[in-house]
C-alpha atoms as a PDB file:
ATOM      1  CA  MET A   1     -12.425  -8.921 -22.380  1.00  0.00           C
ATOM      2  CA  LYS A   2     -10.442  -6.294 -20.495  1.00  0.00           C
ATOM      3  CA  LYS A   3     -11.125  -5.988 -16.796  1.00  0.00           C
ATOM      4  CA  VAL A   4     -11.515  -2.710 -14.925  1.00  0.00           C
ATOM      5  CA  TYR A   5     -11.085  -2.512 -11.168  1.00  0.00           C
ATOM      6  CA  ILE A   6     -12.907   0.467  -9.684  1.00  0.00           C
ATOM      7  CA  GLY A   7     -12.729   2.044  -6.271  1.00  0.00           C
ATOM      8  CA  ALA A   8     -13.845   5.205  -4.562  1.00  0.00           C
ATOM      9  CA  ASP A   9     -13.814   6.830  -1.185  1.00  0.00           C
ATOM     10  CA  HIS A  10     -16.836   8.524   0.401  1.00  0.00           C
ATOM     11  CA  ALA A  11     -16.279  11.620  -1.765  1.00  0.00           C
ATOM     12  CA  GLY A  12     -16.414   9.613  -5.005  1.00  0.00           C
ATOM     13  CA  VAL A  13     -18.959   6.910  -4.264  1.00  0.00           C
ATOM     14  CA  LEU A  14     -22.006   8.737  -5.638  1.00  0.00           C
ATOM     15  CA  ILE A  15     -20.651   8.757  -9.217  1.00  0.00           C
ATOM     16  CA  LYS A  16     -19.013   5.301  -9.088  1.00  0.00           C
ATOM     17  CA  ASP A  17     -22.029   3.329 -10.377  1.00  0.00           C
ATOM     18  CA  PHE A  18     -22.374   5.748 -13.305  1.00  0.00           C
ATOM     19  CA  VAL A  19     -18.715   5.167 -14.212  1.00  0.00           C
ATOM     20  CA  LYS A  20     -19.123   1.385 -13.868  1.00  0.00           C
ATOM     21  CA  GLN A  21     -22.031   1.491 -16.310  1.00  0.00           C
ATOM     22  CA  LEU A  22     -19.995   3.481 -18.840  1.00  0.00           C
ATOM     23  CA  PHE A  23     -17.295   0.808 -18.891  1.00  0.00           C
ATOM     24  CA  GLU A  24     -19.804  -2.075 -18.910  1.00  0.00           C
ATOM     25  CA  LYS A  25     -21.604  -0.544 -21.912  1.00  0.00           C
ATOM     26  CA  ARG A  26     -18.258  -0.678 -23.713  1.00  0.00           C
ATOM     27  CA  GLY A  27     -17.939  -4.409 -22.974  1.00  0.00           C
ATOM     28  CA  PHE A  28     -15.566  -4.273 -19.991  1.00  0.00           C
ATOM     29  CA  GLU A  29     -15.850  -6.516 -16.974  1.00  0.00           C
ATOM     30  CA  VAL A  30     -15.920  -4.225 -13.937  1.00  0.00           C
ATOM     31  CA  GLU A  31     -15.024  -5.297 -10.410  1.00  0.00           C
ATOM     32  CA  ASP A  32     -16.166  -2.870  -7.726  1.00  0.00           C
ATOM     33  CA  MET A  33     -13.678  -2.775  -4.855  1.00  0.00           C
ATOM     34  CA  GLY A  34     -15.610  -0.308  -2.673  1.00  0.00           C
ATOM     35  CA  THR A  35     -16.541   1.795  -0.854  1.00  0.00           C
ATOM     36  CA  HIS A  36     -20.304   1.434  -1.057  1.00  0.00           C
ATOM     37  CA  THR A  37     -21.535   4.186   1.271  1.00  0.00           C
ATOM     38  CA  THR A  38     -20.902   7.854   1.944  1.00  0.00           C
ATOM     39  CA  GLU A  39     -19.561   7.020   5.396  1.00  0.00           C
ATOM     40  CA  ARG A  40     -16.101   8.565   5.777  1.00  0.00           C
ATOM     41  CA  VAL A  41     -13.230   6.237   4.767  1.00  0.00           C
ATOM     42  CA  ASP A  42      -9.545   6.699   3.961  1.00  0.00           C
ATOM     43  CA  TYR A  43      -8.826   6.930   0.220  1.00  0.00           C
ATOM     44  CA  PRO A  44      -5.375   5.284   0.423  1.00  0.00           C
ATOM     45  CA  ASP A  45      -7.082   2.005   1.412  1.00  0.00           C
ATOM     46  CA  TYR A  46      -9.083   1.927  -1.820  1.00  0.00           C
ATOM     47  CA  ALA A  47      -6.220   3.182  -3.953  1.00  0.00           C
ATOM     48  CA  LYS A  48      -4.121   0.309  -2.608  1.00  0.00           C
ATOM     49  CA  LYS A  49      -6.823  -2.312  -3.333  1.00  0.00           C
ATOM     50  CA  VAL A  50      -7.333  -1.192  -6.915  1.00  0.00           C
ATOM     51  CA  ALA A  51      -3.653  -0.564  -7.679  1.00  0.00           C
ATOM     52  CA  LYS A  52      -2.563  -3.954  -6.328  1.00  0.00           C
ATOM     53  CA  ALA A  53      -5.251  -5.660  -8.418  1.00  0.00           C
ATOM     54  CA  VAL A  54      -4.091  -3.845 -11.559  1.00  0.00           C
ATOM     55  CA  ALA A  55      -0.433  -4.575 -10.808  1.00  0.00           C
ATOM     56  CA  ALA A  56      -1.259  -8.285 -10.478  1.00  0.00           C
ATOM     57  CA  ASP A  57      -3.459  -8.324 -13.613  1.00  0.00           C
ATOM     58  CA  LYS A  58      -1.228  -6.647 -16.214  1.00  0.00           C
ATOM     59  CA  ASP A  59      -3.933  -6.476 -18.897  1.00  0.00           C
ATOM     60  CA  SER A  60      -6.398  -4.634 -16.667  1.00  0.00           C
ATOM     61  CA  TRP A  61      -7.088  -1.010 -15.838  1.00  0.00           C
ATOM     62  CA  GLY A  62      -8.071   0.727 -12.659  1.00  0.00           C
ATOM     63  CA  VAL A  63     -10.382   3.631 -11.956  1.00  0.00           C
ATOM     64  CA  LEU A  64     -10.168   5.593  -8.723  1.00  0.00           C
ATOM     65  CA  ILE A  65     -12.540   8.346  -7.678  1.00  0.00           C
ATOM     66  CA  CYS A  66     -12.293  10.674  -4.710  1.00  0.00           C
ATOM     67  CA  GLY A  67     -13.196  14.321  -4.210  1.00  0.00           C
ATOM     68  CA  THR A  68     -10.464  15.689  -6.490  1.00  0.00           C
ATOM     69  CA  GLY A  69      -8.576  12.652  -7.823  1.00  0.00           C
ATOM     70  CA  ILE A  70      -5.349  13.966  -6.338  1.00  0.00           C
ATOM     71  CA  GLY A  71      -5.083  11.768  -3.250  1.00  0.00           C
ATOM     72  CA  MET A  72      -6.058   8.622  -5.120  1.00  0.00           C
ATOM     73  CA  SER A  73      -3.450   9.238  -7.822  1.00  0.00           C
ATOM     74  CA  ILE A  74      -0.690   9.912  -5.305  1.00  0.00           C
ATOM     75  CA  ALA A  75      -1.529   6.783  -3.302  1.00  0.00           C
ATOM     76  CA  ALA A  76      -1.945   4.509  -6.339  1.00  0.00           C
ATOM     77  CA  ASN A  77       1.398   5.602  -7.778  1.00  0.00           C
ATOM     78  CA  LYS A  78       3.131   4.198  -4.689  1.00  0.00           C
ATOM     79  CA  ILE A  79       2.324   0.672  -5.888  1.00  0.00           C
ATOM     80  CA  LYS A  80       4.957  -0.900  -8.138  1.00  0.00           C
ATOM     81  CA  GLY A  81       3.816  -1.183 -11.741  1.00  0.00           C
ATOM     82  CA  ILE A  82       1.192   1.535 -11.529  1.00  0.00           C
ATOM     83  CA  ARG A  83       1.001   4.619 -13.695  1.00  0.00           C
ATOM     84  CA  ALA A  84      -1.996   6.453 -12.268  1.00  0.00           C
ATOM     85  CA  ALA A  85      -3.077   9.644 -14.000  1.00  0.00           C
ATOM     86  CA  GLU A  86      -5.310  12.289 -12.513  1.00  0.00           C
ATOM     87  CA  VAL A  87      -7.356  13.675 -15.394  1.00  0.00           C
ATOM     88  CA  HIS A  88      -9.905  16.453 -15.761  1.00  0.00           C
ATOM     89  CA  ASP A  89     -11.160  16.218 -19.328  1.00  0.00           C
ATOM     90  CA  TYR A  90     -11.030  14.393 -22.654  1.00  0.00           C
ATOM     91  CA  TYR A  91      -7.594  15.743 -23.586  1.00  0.00           C
ATOM     92  CA  THR A  92      -5.839  14.824 -20.335  1.00  0.00           C
ATOM     93  CA  ALA A  93      -7.371  11.328 -20.427  1.00  0.00           C
ATOM     94  CA  LYS A  94      -6.254  10.869 -24.043  1.00  0.00           C
ATOM     95  CA  MET A  95      -2.699  12.030 -23.320  1.00  0.00           C
ATOM     96  CA  ALA A  96      -2.456   9.844 -20.200  1.00  0.00           C
ATOM     97  CA  ARG A  97      -3.086   6.786 -22.382  1.00  0.00           C
ATOM     98  CA  ALA A  98      -1.267   7.895 -25.558  1.00  0.00           C
ATOM     99  CA  HIS A  99       1.926   9.249 -24.020  1.00  0.00           C
ATOM    100  CA  ASN A 100       2.159   7.687 -20.555  1.00  0.00           C
ATOM    101  CA  ASP A 101       0.493   4.302 -21.018  1.00  0.00           C
ATOM    102  CA  ALA A 102      -1.396   5.053 -17.790  1.00  0.00           C
ATOM    103  CA  ASN A 103      -3.105   2.013 -16.329  1.00  0.00           C
ATOM    104  CA  VAL A 104      -5.107   3.710 -13.578  1.00  0.00           C
ATOM    105  CA  LEU A 105      -7.531   6.535 -14.273  1.00  0.00           C
ATOM    106  CA  CYS A 106      -8.155   8.994 -11.423  1.00  0.00           C
ATOM    107  CA  PHE A 107     -10.565  11.899 -11.202  1.00  0.00           C
ATOM    108  CA  GLY A 108     -12.646  13.793  -8.699  1.00  0.00           C
ATOM    109  CA  GLU A 109     -16.388  13.625  -8.231  1.00  0.00           C
ATOM    110  CA  ARG A 110     -16.292  17.205  -6.960  1.00  0.00           C
ATOM    111  CA  VAL A 111     -14.334  18.372 -10.015  1.00  0.00           C
ATOM    112  CA  VAL A 112     -16.032  16.778 -13.045  1.00  0.00           C
ATOM    113  CA  GLY A 113     -19.669  16.094 -13.848  1.00  0.00           C
ATOM    114  CA  GLU A 114     -21.314  13.250 -15.736  1.00  0.00           C
ATOM    115  CA  GLY A 115     -20.865  14.801 -19.191  1.00  0.00           C
ATOM    116  CA  VAL A 116     -17.142  15.310 -18.674  1.00  0.00           C
ATOM    117  CA  ILE A 117     -16.823  11.820 -17.185  1.00  0.00           C
ATOM    118  CA  GLU A 118     -18.425  10.364 -20.310  1.00  0.00           C
ATOM    119  CA  SER A 119     -15.815  12.104 -22.460  1.00  0.00           C
ATOM    120  CA  ILE A 120     -12.999  11.005 -20.141  1.00  0.00           C
ATOM    121  CA  VAL A 121     -14.066   7.355 -20.381  1.00  0.00           C
ATOM    122  CA  GLU A 122     -14.428   7.682 -24.164  1.00  0.00           C
ATOM    123  CA  ALA A 123     -10.903   9.073 -24.514  1.00  0.00           C
ATOM    124  CA  TRP A 124      -9.463   6.487 -22.091  1.00  0.00           C
ATOM    125  CA  CYS A 125     -11.052   3.541 -23.901  1.00  0.00           C
ATOM    126  CA  GLU A 126     -10.421   4.668 -27.452  1.00  0.00           C
ATOM    127  CA  THR A 127      -6.814   5.800 -27.067  1.00  0.00           C
ATOM    128  CA  HIS A 128      -3.911   3.414 -27.352  1.00  0.00           C
ATOM    129  CA  PHE A 129      -0.367   3.911 -26.154  1.00  0.00           C
ATOM    130  CA  GLU A 130       1.629   5.417 -29.018  1.00  0.00           C
ATOM    131  CA  GLY A 131       4.933   3.816 -28.044  1.00  0.00           C
ATOM    132  CA  GLY A 132       7.772   5.259 -30.097  1.00  0.00           C
ATOM    133  CA  ARG A 133       9.505   8.127 -28.346  1.00  0.00           C
ATOM    134  CA  HIS A 134       7.110   7.749 -25.409  1.00  0.00           C
ATOM    135  CA  LEU A 135       8.165   4.160 -24.686  1.00  0.00           C
ATOM    136  CA  ASN A 136      11.623   5.165 -23.498  1.00  0.00           C
ATOM    137  CA  ARG A 137      10.082   7.761 -21.195  1.00  0.00           C
ATOM    138  CA  VAL A 138       7.665   5.263 -19.703  1.00  0.00           C
ATOM    139  CA  LYS A 139      10.561   2.854 -19.156  1.00  0.00           C
ATOM    140  CA  LYS A 140      12.419   5.622 -17.326  1.00  0.00           C
ATOM    141  CA  ILE A 141       9.378   6.258 -15.140  1.00  0.00           C
ATOM    142  CA  MET A 142       9.121   2.571 -14.295  1.00  0.00           C
ATOM    143  CA  ALA A 143      12.860   2.366 -13.596  1.00  0.00           C
ATOM    144  CA  LEU A 144      12.406   4.949 -10.841  1.00  0.00           C
ATOM    145  CA  GLU A 145      10.671   2.232  -8.813  1.00  0.00           C
ATOM    146  CA  GLU A 146      13.928   0.321  -8.710  1.00  0.00           C
ATOM    147  CA  GLU A 147      16.042   3.349  -7.798  1.00  0.00           C
ATOM    148  CA  CYS A 148      14.073   4.588  -4.827  1.00  0.00           C
END
C-alpha cells in the first residue's frame, strides 16, 4: 500500500481532512503531519516535514496545502529528491505525474474547491510516469541538486 504524507498550514487546514479521505478511499495510508488548527503557522515548516518524509520513503507521495500552493511547492522543492508540483486542475495534476514524475502534490485551498480537488486527486492517483523522453528530463532536473 502506497503511503501519502499530508501537511497544511493555517490557510490549507480546513480542506486537509477532505483530501485525506479522498486518498484513504483509494486505499492509501495517509499520515497527517499537521497543522491541525487555523492558528497562524509558517508553511515552510510543514513543507519540510512532508518533503523530508517523502525523500526518505521513496515509494511514497506527499500532499501540501496552503492558501495558493505556491509557497509550499517552492519550499518542498528545496529538499533533495523532491519534485513538488503546484497544480490547479485535472490536467496539471495529470501532467505533473505523467511528464515530471512529481512526488509531492501542492495546491491552494483558496484557489480550488472540493470538486476540483476530487478531480486533481483522481488524476494524480490514476496517472503513471510515462518515462521515455521524459525520463531524461527528470534526470536533468534531479542533477540540478548536485550542481547547486
